[in-house]
């Protein structure tokens, strides 16, 4: 878990606690879209991560300011800002993990589908550059709609001859973060102790929290489970509406993205038994991509874990989400293969 944030007020303290450069491998992390609403807080959180030695911040504008600002934080990593397509290669070279929050955010009345053409084009271009400059990096896809952008990335990498299904992740951690928060509130348990797997995809009904597997166990009524499920599925809309159309879930998404990137870095560094939910190439269902728990390691995905026992309500939810998820995946593949 992402424990370093709380104690990193004294950056030098981190280095004293066994995080000195010689004890942790050098790791370069690139954030593509670093000047945006998610990118800026994500850049700060990655700067706070003692596992990062180099932080490359890239965007089409305004990155030098973000990089200068973040670079003053007294933690281990060296920060460099890159702006414009001509500097993208330099930002990516040597990266171990590439995080992609680039794209436009959802606005009120906008479906995730409305975002599709803009963000799909952005992702396609960025992935072509990743294939060229850092083909072995772990790619963490945040740009929505994740159900389509991950298949787009896979197709771009296949065409470039660099595709490794173990190294491409759709970041669905925000669904897990929300499910944990909402469950803890309803079950009246300490949120730090809560775990809730979330499977399926990363939009609307494709988000399926498995509250029957939540720990610690709480005997919640069926209507509570249904309400918690709906709230988890509609979490993004809740934030968009609360911000009155002036933004989407940027801070919680940055936090979730930082947690998942941290898990990837721990896996790369050989920390045993790092398990997170993610949208990956999968044989858990008949769909080619699916979110479930995955074990992370030195090669990225070491193991895609099964769904475990589902309640009747969850089984129904699983069958209901499949047609929509299938359509989103196919839409991404089709987009990637157009000229």
C-alpha atoms as a PDB file:
ATOM      1  CA  UNK A   1       0.000   0.000   0.000  1.00  0.00           C
ATOM      2  CA  UNK A   2       0.901   3.610  -0.504  1.00  0.00           C
ATOM      3  CA  UNK A   3       2.281   4.289   2.966  1.00  0.00           C
ATOM      4  CA  UNK A   4       5.151   6.605   2.131  1.00  0.00           C
ATOM      5  CA  UNK A   5       2.945   9.655   1.565  1.00  0.00           C
ATOM      6  CA  UNK A   6       2.092  10.076   5.226  1.00  0.00           C
ATOM      7  CA  UNK A   7       5.671  10.077   6.411  1.00  0.00           C
ATOM      8  CA  UNK A   8       7.338  11.945   3.573  1.00  0.00           C
ATOM      9  CA  UNK A   9       6.936  15.429   5.020  1.00  0.00           C
ATOM     10  CA  UNK A  10      10.605  15.124   5.895  1.00  0.00           C
ATOM     11  CA  UNK A  11      12.094  13.914   2.633  1.00  0.00           C
ATOM     12  CA  UNK A  12      15.481  13.240   4.211  1.00  0.00           C
ATOM     13  CA  UNK A  13      13.727  10.974   6.709  1.00  0.00           C
ATOM     14  CA  UNK A  14      12.803   8.654   3.813  1.00  0.00           C
ATOM     15  CA  UNK A  15      16.424   8.160   2.849  1.00  0.00           C
ATOM     16  CA  UNK A  16      17.395   7.343   6.433  1.00  0.00           C
ATOM     17  CA  UNK A  17      14.776   4.598   6.601  1.00  0.00           C
ATOM     18  CA  UNK A  18      16.473   2.188   4.241  1.00  0.00           C
ATOM     19  CA  UNK A  19      15.416   3.947   1.034  1.00  0.00           C
ATOM     20  CA  UNK A  20      18.933   5.099   0.162  1.00  0.00           C
ATOM     21  CA  UNK A  21      19.648   4.790  -3.535  1.00  0.00           C
ATOM     22  CA  UNK A  22      21.960   1.822  -3.169  1.00  0.00           C
ATOM     23  CA  UNK A  23      19.241  -0.336  -1.537  1.00  0.00           C
ATOM     24  CA  UNK A  24      16.551   0.330  -4.166  1.00  0.00           C
ATOM     25  CA  UNK A  25      17.087  -0.196  -7.913  1.00  0.00           C
ATOM     26  CA  UNK A  26      17.020   2.900 -10.112  1.00  0.00           C
ATOM     27  CA  UNK A  27      13.605   3.198 -11.738  1.00  0.00           C
ATOM     28  CA  UNK A  28      12.427   5.728 -14.299  1.00  0.00           C
ATOM     29  CA  UNK A  29       8.725   6.587 -14.405  1.00  0.00           C
ATOM     30  CA  UNK A  30       7.213   8.672 -17.220  1.00  0.00           C
ATOM     31  CA  UNK A  31       3.860  10.439 -16.833  1.00  0.00           C
ATOM     32  CA  UNK A  32       2.247  11.292 -20.186  1.00  0.00           C
ATOM     33  CA  UNK A  33      -0.260  14.090 -19.704  1.00  0.00           C
ATOM     34  CA  UNK A  34       1.545  15.432 -16.646  1.00  0.00           C
ATOM     35  CA  UNK A  35       0.193  19.001 -16.867  1.00  0.00           C
ATOM     36  CA  UNK A  36      -3.456  17.935 -16.749  1.00  0.00           C
ATOM     37  CA  UNK A  37      -5.974  17.594 -13.945  1.00  0.00           C
ATOM     38  CA  UNK A  38      -4.897  14.053 -13.086  1.00  0.00           C
ATOM     39  CA  UNK A  39      -1.310  14.451 -14.267  1.00  0.00           C
ATOM     40  CA  UNK A  40      -0.300  17.203 -11.842  1.00  0.00           C
ATOM     41  CA  UNK A  41      -1.324  15.512  -8.567  1.00  0.00           C
ATOM     42  CA  UNK A  42      -0.072  12.199  -9.983  1.00  0.00           C
ATOM     43  CA  UNK A  43       3.316  13.812 -10.702  1.00  0.00           C
ATOM     44  CA  UNK A  44       3.477  14.999  -7.081  1.00  0.00           C
ATOM     45  CA  UNK A  45       2.543  11.562  -5.700  1.00  0.00           C
ATOM     46  CA  UNK A  46       5.165   9.854  -7.884  1.00  0.00           C
ATOM     47  CA  UNK A  47       7.752  12.383  -6.690  1.00  0.00           C
ATOM     48  CA  UNK A  48       6.914  11.261  -3.141  1.00  0.00           C
ATOM     49  CA  UNK A  49       7.500   7.607  -4.030  1.00  0.00           C
ATOM     50  CA  UNK A  50      10.961   6.521  -2.802  1.00  0.00           C
ATOM     51  CA  UNK A  51      11.079   3.746  -5.429  1.00  0.00           C
ATOM     52  CA  UNK A  52      11.322   6.336  -8.240  1.00  0.00           C
ATOM     53  CA  UNK A  53      14.806   7.621  -9.136  1.00  0.00           C
ATOM     54  CA  UNK A  54      13.898   9.488 -12.339  1.00  0.00           C
ATOM     55  CA  UNK A  55      10.550  11.147 -13.033  1.00  0.00           C
ATOM     56  CA  UNK A  56       9.870  12.252 -16.616  1.00  0.00           C
ATOM     57  CA  UNK A  57       6.872  14.561 -17.013  1.00  0.00           C
ATOM     58  CA  UNK A  58       5.469  14.978 -20.532  1.00  0.00           C
ATOM     59  CA  UNK A  59       2.619  16.988 -22.012  1.00  0.00           C
ATOM     60  CA  UNK A  60       1.850  19.036 -25.111  1.00  0.00           C
ATOM     61  CA  UNK A  61       2.039  22.297 -23.090  1.00  0.00           C
ATOM     62  CA  UNK A  62       2.871  23.688 -19.636  1.00  0.00           C
ATOM     63  CA  UNK A  63       5.117  20.829 -18.504  1.00  0.00           C
ATOM     64  CA  UNK A  64       8.219  22.930 -17.690  1.00  0.00           C
ATOM     65  CA  UNK A  65       6.279  24.745 -14.949  1.00  0.00           C
ATOM     66  CA  UNK A  66       4.872  21.561 -13.445  1.00  0.00           C
ATOM     67  CA  UNK A  67       8.325  19.935 -13.545  1.00  0.00           C
ATOM     68  CA  UNK A  68      10.012  22.944 -11.914  1.00  0.00           C
ATOM     69  CA  UNK A  69       7.376  23.024  -9.173  1.00  0.00           C
ATOM     70  CA  UNK A  70       7.500  19.292  -8.413  1.00  0.00           C
ATOM     71  CA  UNK A  71      11.315  19.193  -8.641  1.00  0.00           C
ATOM     72  CA  UNK A  72      11.598  21.322  -5.482  1.00  0.00           C
ATOM     73  CA  UNK A  73      10.096  18.528  -3.344  1.00  0.00           C
ATOM     74  CA  UNK A  74      12.968  17.086  -1.262  1.00  0.00           C
ATOM     75  CA  UNK A  75      12.725  13.422  -2.214  1.00  0.00           C
ATOM     76  CA  UNK A  76      15.023  11.069  -4.084  1.00  0.00           C
ATOM     77  CA  UNK A  77      13.888  11.339  -7.702  1.00  0.00           C
ATOM     78  CA  UNK A  78      15.256  13.723 -10.292  1.00  0.00           C
ATOM     79  CA  UNK A  79      12.533  15.433 -12.303  1.00  0.00           C
ATOM     80  CA  UNK A  80      12.649  16.461 -15.960  1.00  0.00           C
ATOM     81  CA  UNK A  81       9.875  18.138 -17.947  1.00  0.00           C
ATOM     82  CA  UNK A  82       9.297  17.503 -21.651  1.00  0.00           C
ATOM     83  CA  UNK A  83       6.941  19.455 -23.880  1.00  0.00           C
ATOM     84  CA  UNK A  84       5.635  18.776 -27.382  1.00  0.00           C
ATOM     85  CA  UNK A  85       5.856  15.749 -29.625  1.00  0.00           C
ATOM     86  CA  UNK A  86       9.494  16.356 -30.563  1.00  0.00           C
ATOM     87  CA  UNK A  87      10.487  15.706 -26.912  1.00  0.00           C
ATOM     88  CA  UNK A  88       8.272  12.646 -26.357  1.00  0.00           C
ATOM     89  CA  UNK A  89      11.015  10.154 -27.268  1.00  0.00           C
ATOM     90  CA  UNK A  90      13.390  11.674 -24.737  1.00  0.00           C
ATOM     91  CA  UNK A  91      10.715  11.515 -22.027  1.00  0.00           C
ATOM     92  CA  UNK A  92      10.137   7.817 -22.711  1.00  0.00           C
ATOM     93  CA  UNK A  93      13.687   6.515 -23.224  1.00  0.00           C
ATOM     94  CA  UNK A  94      14.736   4.150 -20.442  1.00  0.00           C
ATOM     95  CA  UNK A  95      11.356   4.175 -18.690  1.00  0.00           C
ATOM     96  CA  UNK A  96      10.438   1.229 -16.479  1.00  0.00           C
ATOM     97  CA  UNK A  97       6.830   2.354 -15.994  1.00  0.00           C
ATOM     98  CA  UNK A  98       4.796   4.675 -18.234  1.00  0.00           C
ATOM     99  CA  UNK A  99       1.594   6.124 -16.786  1.00  0.00           C
ATOM    100  CA  UNK A 100      -0.904   7.607 -19.261  1.00  0.00           C
ATOM    101  CA  UNK A 101      -3.483  10.040 -17.846  1.00  0.00           C
ATOM    102  CA  UNK A 102      -3.430  12.070 -21.108  1.00  0.00           C
ATOM    103  CA  UNK A 103      -6.661  13.102 -22.784  1.00  0.00           C
ATOM    104  CA  UNK A 104      -9.702  15.250 -22.148  1.00  0.00           C
ATOM    105  CA  UNK A 105     -11.839  14.800 -19.024  1.00  0.00           C
ATOM    106  CA  UNK A 106     -15.518  13.927 -19.012  1.00  0.00           C
ATOM    107  CA  UNK A 107     -17.888  16.881 -18.794  1.00  0.00           C
ATOM    108  CA  UNK A 108     -21.513  16.873 -17.577  1.00  0.00           C
ATOM    109  CA  UNK A 109     -23.864  15.137 -19.957  1.00  0.00           C
ATOM    110  CA  UNK A 110     -20.881  13.547 -21.694  1.00  0.00           C
ATOM    111  CA  UNK A 111     -20.764   9.769 -21.781  1.00  0.00           C
ATOM    112  CA  UNK A 112     -17.465   7.924 -21.737  1.00  0.00           C
ATOM    113  CA  UNK A 113     -18.315   7.218 -25.369  1.00  0.00           C
ATOM    114  CA  UNK A 114     -18.293  10.926 -26.241  1.00  0.00           C
ATOM    115  CA  UNK A 115     -14.680  11.028 -25.112  1.00  0.00           C
ATOM    116  CA  UNK A 116     -13.810   8.155 -27.341  1.00  0.00           C
ATOM    117  CA  UNK A 117     -12.585   9.697 -30.579  1.00  0.00           C
ATOM    118  CA  UNK A 118     -10.446  12.370 -28.926  1.00  0.00           C
ATOM    119  CA  UNK A 119      -8.807  10.171 -26.303  1.00  0.00           C
ATOM    120  CA  UNK A 120      -8.482   7.151 -28.594  1.00  0.00           C
ATOM    121  CA  UNK A 121      -6.446   9.213 -31.056  1.00  0.00           C
ATOM    122  CA  UNK A 122      -4.207  10.576 -28.294  1.00  0.00           C
ATOM    123  CA  UNK A 123      -3.595   7.090 -26.868  1.00  0.00           C
ATOM    124  CA  UNK A 124      -2.832   5.629 -30.287  1.00  0.00           C
ATOM    125  CA  UNK A 125      -0.096   8.229 -30.878  1.00  0.00           C
ATOM    126  CA  UNK A 126       1.448   7.846 -27.428  1.00  0.00           C
ATOM    127  CA  UNK A 127       1.513   4.044 -27.684  1.00  0.00           C
ATOM    128  CA  UNK A 128       3.263   4.211 -31.068  1.00  0.00           C
ATOM    129  CA  UNK A 129       5.997   6.252 -29.331  1.00  0.00           C
ATOM    130  CA  UNK A 130       6.189   3.793 -26.401  1.00  0.00           C
ATOM    131  CA  UNK A 131       6.654   0.920 -28.881  1.00  0.00           C
ATOM    132  CA  UNK A 132       9.560   2.840 -30.420  1.00  0.00           C
ATOM    133  CA  UNK A 133      11.353   4.297 -27.381  1.00  0.00           C
ATOM    134  CA  UNK A 134      10.630   2.003 -24.390  1.00  0.00           C
ATOM    135  CA  UNK A 135       9.024  -1.214 -25.673  1.00  0.00           C
ATOM    136  CA  UNK A 136       9.753  -3.104 -22.433  1.00  0.00           C
ATOM    137  CA  UNK A 137       8.109  -0.619 -20.054  1.00  0.00           C
ATOM    138  CA  UNK A 138       5.035  -1.476 -17.994  1.00  0.00           C
ATOM    139  CA  UNK A 139       2.212   0.668 -19.407  1.00  0.00           C
ATOM    140  CA  UNK A 140      -0.448   1.922 -16.958  1.00  0.00           C
ATOM    141  CA  UNK A 141      -3.456   3.176 -18.930  1.00  0.00           C
ATOM    142  CA  UNK A 142      -5.627   5.745 -17.146  1.00  0.00           C
ATOM    143  CA  UNK A 143      -7.034   7.557 -20.223  1.00  0.00           C
ATOM    144  CA  UNK A 144     -10.725   6.835 -20.608  1.00  0.00           C
ATOM    145  CA  UNK A 145     -12.549   4.878 -21.836  1.00  0.00           C
ATOM    146  CA  UNK A 146     -10.142   2.269 -20.411  1.00  0.00           C
ATOM    147  CA  UNK A 147     -12.369  -0.551 -21.748  1.00  0.00           C
ATOM    148  CA  UNK A 148     -11.390   0.642 -25.248  1.00  0.00           C
ATOM    149  CA  UNK A 149      -8.013   2.363 -24.776  1.00  0.00           C
ATOM    150  CA  UNK A 150      -6.317  -0.805 -23.462  1.00  0.00           C
ATOM    151  CA  UNK A 151      -7.361  -2.826 -26.563  1.00  0.00           C
ATOM    152  CA  UNK A 152      -6.187   0.128 -28.731  1.00  0.00           C
ATOM    153  CA  UNK A 153      -2.771   0.031 -27.026  1.00  0.00           C
ATOM    154  CA  UNK A 154      -2.563  -3.741 -27.509  1.00  0.00           C
ATOM    155  CA  UNK A 155      -3.249  -3.410 -31.253  1.00  0.00           C
ATOM    156  CA  UNK A 156      -0.685  -0.602 -31.660  1.00  0.00           C
ATOM    157  CA  UNK A 157       1.948  -2.715 -29.875  1.00  0.00           C
ATOM    158  CA  UNK A 158       1.053  -5.801 -31.955  1.00  0.00           C
ATOM    159  CA  UNK A 159       1.539  -3.834 -35.180  1.00  0.00           C
ATOM    160  CA  UNK A 160       4.915  -2.612 -33.905  1.00  0.00           C
ATOM    161  CA  UNK A 161       5.910  -6.172 -32.926  1.00  0.00           C
ATOM    162  CA  UNK A 162       6.414  -5.189 -29.266  1.00  0.00           C
ATOM    163  CA  UNK A 163       3.210  -6.452 -27.616  1.00  0.00           C
ATOM    164  CA  UNK A 164       3.646  -8.259 -24.297  1.00  0.00           C
ATOM    165  CA  UNK A 165       0.309  -8.876 -22.586  1.00  0.00           C
ATOM    166  CA  UNK A 166       2.105  -9.032 -19.221  1.00  0.00           C
ATOM    167  CA  UNK A 167       3.102  -5.368 -19.522  1.00  0.00           C
ATOM    168  CA  UNK A 168      -0.168  -3.623 -20.421  1.00  0.00           C
ATOM    169  CA  UNK A 169      -2.567  -2.596 -17.648  1.00  0.00           C
ATOM    170  CA  UNK A 170      -5.834  -0.721 -17.533  1.00  0.00           C
ATOM    171  CA  UNK A 171      -5.830   1.138 -14.217  1.00  0.00           C
ATOM    172  CA  UNK A 172      -9.119   0.282 -12.483  1.00  0.00           C
ATOM    173  CA  UNK A 173      -7.776   1.010  -8.998  1.00  0.00           C
ATOM    174  CA  UNK A 174     -10.144   3.968  -8.522  1.00  0.00           C
ATOM    175  CA  UNK A 175     -13.075   1.536  -8.577  1.00  0.00           C
ATOM    176  CA  UNK A 176     -11.356  -0.443  -5.804  1.00  0.00           C
ATOM    177  CA  UNK A 177     -10.576   2.725  -3.822  1.00  0.00           C
ATOM    178  CA  UNK A 178     -14.239   3.809  -4.037  1.00  0.00           C
ATOM    179  CA  UNK A 179     -15.575   0.353  -3.183  1.00  0.00           C
ATOM    180  CA  UNK A 180     -13.331   0.209  -0.091  1.00  0.00           C
ATOM    181  CA  UNK A 181     -14.361   3.696   1.044  1.00  0.00           C
ATOM    182  CA  UNK A 182     -18.098   3.175   0.549  1.00  0.00           C
ATOM    183  CA  UNK A 183     -18.049  -0.315   2.111  1.00  0.00           C
ATOM    184  CA  UNK A 184     -16.118   0.868   5.179  1.00  0.00           C
ATOM    185  CA  UNK A 185     -18.620   3.687   5.696  1.00  0.00           C
ATOM    186  CA  UNK A 186     -21.635   1.376   5.502  1.00  0.00           C
ATOM    187  CA  UNK A 187     -20.079  -1.528   7.448  1.00  0.00           C
ATOM    188  CA  UNK A 188     -18.596   0.858  10.057  1.00  0.00           C
ATOM    189  CA  UNK A 189     -15.152  -0.726   9.877  1.00  0.00           C
ATOM    190  CA  UNK A 190     -11.694   0.847   9.646  1.00  0.00           C
ATOM    191  CA  UNK A 191     -11.164   1.681   5.958  1.00  0.00           C
ATOM    192  CA  UNK A 192      -7.421   0.895   6.242  1.00  0.00           C
ATOM    193  CA  UNK A 193      -8.308  -2.760   6.934  1.00  0.00           C
ATOM    194  CA  UNK A 194     -10.823  -3.107   4.078  1.00  0.00           C
ATOM    195  CA  UNK A 195     -10.281  -5.053   0.883  1.00  0.00           C
ATOM    196  CA  UNK A 196     -12.817  -5.341  -1.935  1.00  0.00           C
ATOM    197  CA  UNK A 197     -11.987  -6.931  -5.302  1.00  0.00           C
ATOM    198  CA  UNK A 198     -13.556  -5.131  -8.286  1.00  0.00           C
ATOM    199  CA  UNK A 199     -13.796  -7.016 -11.575  1.00  0.00           C
ATOM    200  CA  UNK A 200     -15.137  -6.518 -15.106  1.00  0.00           C
ATOM    201  CA  UNK A 201     -14.279  -3.217 -16.740  1.00  0.00           C
ATOM    202  CA  UNK A 202     -13.981   0.466 -15.895  1.00  0.00           C
ATOM    203  CA  UNK A 203     -17.266   2.148 -16.859  1.00  0.00           C
ATOM    204  CA  UNK A 204     -20.831   2.028 -15.532  1.00  0.00           C
ATOM    205  CA  UNK A 205     -22.293  -1.464 -15.252  1.00  0.00           C
ATOM    206  CA  UNK A 206     -19.006  -3.061 -16.384  1.00  0.00           C
ATOM    207  CA  UNK A 207     -17.661  -2.173 -12.909  1.00  0.00           C
ATOM    208  CA  UNK A 208     -18.517  -5.119 -10.643  1.00  0.00           C
ATOM    209  CA  UNK A 209     -17.423  -4.844  -7.000  1.00  0.00           C
ATOM    210  CA  UNK A 210     -17.408  -8.254  -5.294  1.00  0.00           C
ATOM    211  CA  UNK A 211     -18.757  -7.217  -1.901  1.00  0.00           C
ATOM    212  CA  UNK A 212     -19.411 -10.887  -1.070  1.00  0.00           C
ATOM    213  CA  UNK A 213     -15.603 -11.244  -0.898  1.00  0.00           C
ATOM    214  CA  UNK A 214     -15.015  -8.004   1.037  1.00  0.00           C
ATOM    215  CA  UNK A 215     -12.930  -8.200   4.189  1.00  0.00           C
ATOM    216  CA  UNK A 216     -13.471  -7.698   7.056  1.00  0.00           C
ATOM    217  CA  UNK A 217     -16.811  -9.489   6.673  1.00  0.00           C
ATOM    218  CA  UNK A 218     -19.962  -7.504   7.417  1.00  0.00           C
ATOM    219  CA  UNK A 219     -23.444  -8.922   7.115  1.00  0.00           C
ATOM    220  CA  UNK A 220     -24.924  -6.132   5.018  1.00  0.00           C
ATOM    221  CA  UNK A 221     -28.470  -6.394   3.731  1.00  0.00           C
ATOM    222  CA  UNK A 222     -29.016  -7.136   0.033  1.00  0.00           C
ATOM    223  CA  UNK A 223     -30.370  -3.626  -0.584  1.00  0.00           C
ATOM    224  CA  UNK A 224     -27.212  -2.151   0.974  1.00  0.00           C
ATOM    225  CA  UNK A 225     -25.030  -4.262  -1.328  1.00  0.00           C
ATOM    226  CA  UNK A 226     -27.059  -3.115  -4.344  1.00  0.00           C
ATOM    227  CA  UNK A 227     -26.783   0.539  -3.284  1.00  0.00           C
ATOM    228  CA  UNK A 228     -23.021   0.214  -2.695  1.00  0.00           C
ATOM    229  CA  UNK A 229     -22.601  -1.459  -6.094  1.00  0.00           C
ATOM    230  CA  UNK A 230     -24.506   1.318  -7.862  1.00  0.00           C
ATOM    231  CA  UNK A 231     -22.579   4.027  -6.012  1.00  0.00           C
ATOM    232  CA  UNK A 232     -19.254   2.414  -6.980  1.00  0.00           C
ATOM    233  CA  UNK A 233     -20.387   2.220 -10.617  1.00  0.00           C
ATOM    234  CA  UNK A 234     -21.576   5.848 -10.588  1.00  0.00           C
ATOM    235  CA  UNK A 235     -18.640   7.264  -8.597  1.00  0.00           C
ATOM    236  CA  UNK A 236     -17.268   9.230 -11.547  1.00  0.00           C
ATOM    237  CA  UNK A 237     -20.627  10.844 -12.262  1.00  0.00           C
ATOM    238  CA  UNK A 238     -21.008  11.727  -8.562  1.00  0.00           C
ATOM    239  CA  UNK A 239     -17.787  13.766  -8.736  1.00  0.00           C
ATOM    240  CA  UNK A 240     -18.579  15.389 -12.102  1.00  0.00           C
ATOM    241  CA  UNK A 241     -21.940  16.559 -10.748  1.00  0.00           C
ATOM    242  CA  UNK A 242     -20.461  17.751  -7.437  1.00  0.00           C
ATOM    243  CA  UNK A 243     -17.916  19.829  -9.367  1.00  0.00           C
ATOM    244  CA  UNK A 244     -20.846  21.348 -11.290  1.00  0.00           C
ATOM    245  CA  UNK A 245     -19.305  20.579 -14.646  1.00  0.00           C
ATOM    246  CA  UNK A 246     -15.975  22.193 -13.858  1.00  0.00           C
ATOM    247  CA  UNK A 247     -14.017  18.955 -13.555  1.00  0.00           C
ATOM    248  CA  UNK A 248     -14.016  15.216 -13.050  1.00  0.00           C
ATOM    249  CA  UNK A 249     -12.379  12.811 -10.597  1.00  0.00           C
ATOM    250  CA  UNK A 250      -8.792  14.059 -10.769  1.00  0.00           C
ATOM    251  CA  UNK A 251      -7.477  13.859  -7.196  1.00  0.00           C
ATOM    252  CA  UNK A 252      -8.884  10.433  -6.316  1.00  0.00           C
ATOM    253  CA  UNK A 253      -7.814   9.165  -9.755  1.00  0.00           C
ATOM    254  CA  UNK A 254      -4.271  10.466  -9.220  1.00  0.00           C
ATOM    255  CA  UNK A 255      -4.176   8.704  -5.839  1.00  0.00           C
ATOM    256  CA  UNK A 256      -5.447   5.448  -7.387  1.00  0.00           C
ATOM    257  CA  UNK A 257      -2.948   5.755 -10.259  1.00  0.00           C
ATOM    258  CA  UNK A 258      -0.114   6.290  -7.793  1.00  0.00           C
ATOM    259  CA  UNK A 259      -1.126   3.208  -5.790  1.00  0.00           C
ATOM    260  CA  UNK A 260      -1.143   1.040  -8.904  1.00  0.00           C
ATOM    261  CA  UNK A 261       2.188   2.417 -10.179  1.00  0.00           C
ATOM    262  CA  UNK A 262       3.692   1.769  -6.742  1.00  0.00           C
ATOM    263  CA  UNK A 263       2.490  -1.854  -6.942  1.00  0.00           C
ATOM    264  CA  UNK A 264       4.091  -2.206 -10.402  1.00  0.00           C
ATOM    265  CA  UNK A 265       7.405  -0.841  -9.088  1.00  0.00           C
ATOM    266  CA  UNK A 266       7.330  -3.202  -6.101  1.00  0.00           C
ATOM    267  CA  UNK A 267       6.675  -6.111  -8.465  1.00  0.00           C
ATOM    268  CA  UNK A 268       9.585  -5.084 -10.700  1.00  0.00           C
ATOM    269  CA  UNK A 269      11.809  -4.880  -7.617  1.00  0.00           C
ATOM    270  CA  UNK A 270      10.934  -8.442  -6.608  1.00  0.00           C
ATOM    271  CA  UNK A 271       8.646  -7.721  -3.656  1.00  0.00           C
ATOM    272  CA  UNK A 272       6.651 -10.967  -3.226  1.00  0.00           C
ATOM    273  CA  UNK A 273       2.872 -11.340  -3.466  1.00  0.00           C
ATOM    274  CA  UNK A 274       1.897  -7.899  -4.801  1.00  0.00           C
ATOM    275  CA  UNK A 275      -1.751  -8.261  -5.845  1.00  0.00           C
ATOM    276  CA  UNK A 276      -3.975  -5.539  -7.356  1.00  0.00           C
ATOM    277  CA  UNK A 277      -7.030  -5.491  -9.592  1.00  0.00           C
ATOM    278  CA  UNK A 278      -6.379  -4.419 -13.199  1.00  0.00           C
ATOM    279  CA  UNK A 279      -7.933  -4.590 -16.680  1.00  0.00           C
ATOM    280  CA  UNK A 280      -5.627  -6.928 -18.618  1.00  0.00           C
ATOM    281  CA  UNK A 281      -5.570  -9.527 -21.374  1.00  0.00           C
ATOM    282  CA  UNK A 282      -7.378 -12.399 -19.740  1.00  0.00           C
ATOM    283  CA  UNK A 283      -8.882 -15.866 -20.063  1.00  0.00           C
ATOM    284  CA  UNK A 284     -10.937 -15.500 -16.863  1.00  0.00           C
ATOM    285  CA  UNK A 285     -14.056 -15.052 -19.050  1.00  0.00           C
ATOM    286  CA  UNK A 286     -14.652 -15.488 -22.785  1.00  0.00           C
ATOM    287  CA  UNK A 287     -13.768 -11.795 -23.287  1.00  0.00           C
ATOM    288  CA  UNK A 288     -10.194 -11.000 -24.447  1.00  0.00           C
ATOM    289  CA  UNK A 289      -9.710  -8.325 -21.750  1.00  0.00           C
ATOM    290  CA  UNK A 290     -11.141  -8.321 -18.247  1.00  0.00           C
ATOM    291  CA  UNK A 291     -10.368  -6.744 -14.881  1.00  0.00           C
ATOM    292  CA  UNK A 292      -9.615  -9.077 -11.996  1.00  0.00           C
ATOM    293  CA  UNK A 293      -6.934  -9.526  -9.369  1.00  0.00           C
ATOM    294  CA  UNK A 294      -3.453  -9.937 -10.829  1.00  0.00           C
ATOM    295  CA  UNK A 295      -0.188 -10.871  -9.168  1.00  0.00           C
ATOM    296  CA  UNK A 296       2.573  -8.450 -10.154  1.00  0.00           C
ATOM    297  CA  UNK A 297       6.236  -9.318 -10.478  1.00  0.00           C
ATOM    298  CA  UNK A 298       9.473  -8.723 -12.378  1.00  0.00           C
ATOM    299  CA  UNK A 299       7.781  -9.269 -15.763  1.00  0.00           C
ATOM    300  CA  UNK A 300       4.608  -7.314 -15.005  1.00  0.00           C
ATOM    301  CA  UNK A 301       1.657  -9.699 -14.714  1.00  0.00           C
ATOM    302  CA  UNK A 302       2.921 -12.926 -13.163  1.00  0.00           C
ATOM    303  CA  UNK A 303      -0.545 -14.432 -12.774  1.00  0.00           C
ATOM    304  CA  UNK A 304      -4.130 -13.434 -13.605  1.00  0.00           C
ATOM    305  CA  UNK A 305      -6.228 -14.643 -10.692  1.00  0.00           C
ATOM    306  CA  UNK A 306      -9.727 -16.088 -11.027  1.00  0.00           C
ATOM    307  CA  UNK A 307     -12.961 -14.527  -9.805  1.00  0.00           C
ATOM    308  CA  UNK A 308     -13.502 -16.789  -6.790  1.00  0.00           C
ATOM    309  CA  UNK A 309     -17.005 -17.588  -5.498  1.00  0.00           C
ATOM    310  CA  UNK A 310     -19.676 -15.075  -6.550  1.00  0.00           C
ATOM    311  CA  UNK A 311     -23.057 -14.350  -4.986  1.00  0.00           C
ATOM    312  CA  UNK A 312     -26.170 -14.746  -7.156  1.00  0.00           C
ATOM    313  CA  UNK A 313     -26.372 -10.946  -7.449  1.00  0.00           C
ATOM    314  CA  UNK A 314     -22.739 -10.813  -8.644  1.00  0.00           C
ATOM    315  CA  UNK A 315     -23.262 -13.680 -11.103  1.00  0.00           C
ATOM    316  CA  UNK A 316     -26.160 -11.748 -12.606  1.00  0.00           C
ATOM    317  CA  UNK A 317     -24.046  -8.566 -12.726  1.00  0.00           C
ATOM    318  CA  UNK A 318     -21.258 -10.471 -14.488  1.00  0.00           C
ATOM    319  CA  UNK A 319     -23.583 -11.721 -17.233  1.00  0.00           C
ATOM    320  CA  UNK A 320     -25.162  -8.260 -17.601  1.00  0.00           C
ATOM    321  CA  UNK A 321     -21.828  -6.466 -18.071  1.00  0.00           C
ATOM    322  CA  UNK A 322     -20.406  -8.799 -20.722  1.00  0.00           C
ATOM    323  CA  UNK A 323     -22.226  -7.435 -23.825  1.00  0.00           C
ATOM    324  CA  UNK A 324     -21.291  -3.827 -23.016  1.00  0.00           C
ATOM    325  CA  UNK A 325     -17.673  -4.689 -22.218  1.00  0.00           C
ATOM    326  CA  UNK A 326     -17.404  -6.806 -25.380  1.00  0.00           C
ATOM    327  CA  UNK A 327     -18.696  -3.891 -27.495  1.00  0.00           C
ATOM    328  CA  UNK A 328     -16.187  -1.455 -25.916  1.00  0.00           C
ATOM    329  CA  UNK A 329     -13.274  -3.829 -26.513  1.00  0.00           C
ATOM    330  CA  UNK A 330     -14.310  -4.365 -30.142  1.00  0.00           C
ATOM    331  CA  UNK A 331     -14.714  -0.619 -30.637  1.00  0.00           C
ATOM    332  CA  UNK A 332     -11.130  -0.082 -29.471  1.00  0.00           C
ATOM    333  CA  UNK A 333      -9.739  -2.826 -31.723  1.00  0.00           C
ATOM    334  CA  UNK A 334     -11.650  -1.436 -34.710  1.00  0.00           C
ATOM    335  CA  UNK A 335     -10.371   2.107 -34.046  1.00  0.00           C
ATOM    336  CA  UNK A 336      -6.762   0.933 -33.739  1.00  0.00           C
ATOM    337  CA  UNK A 337      -6.953  -0.885 -37.059  1.00  0.00           C
ATOM    338  CA  UNK A 338      -8.335   2.046 -39.039  1.00  0.00           C
ATOM    339  CA  UNK A 339      -5.599   3.703 -41.095  1.00  0.00           C
END
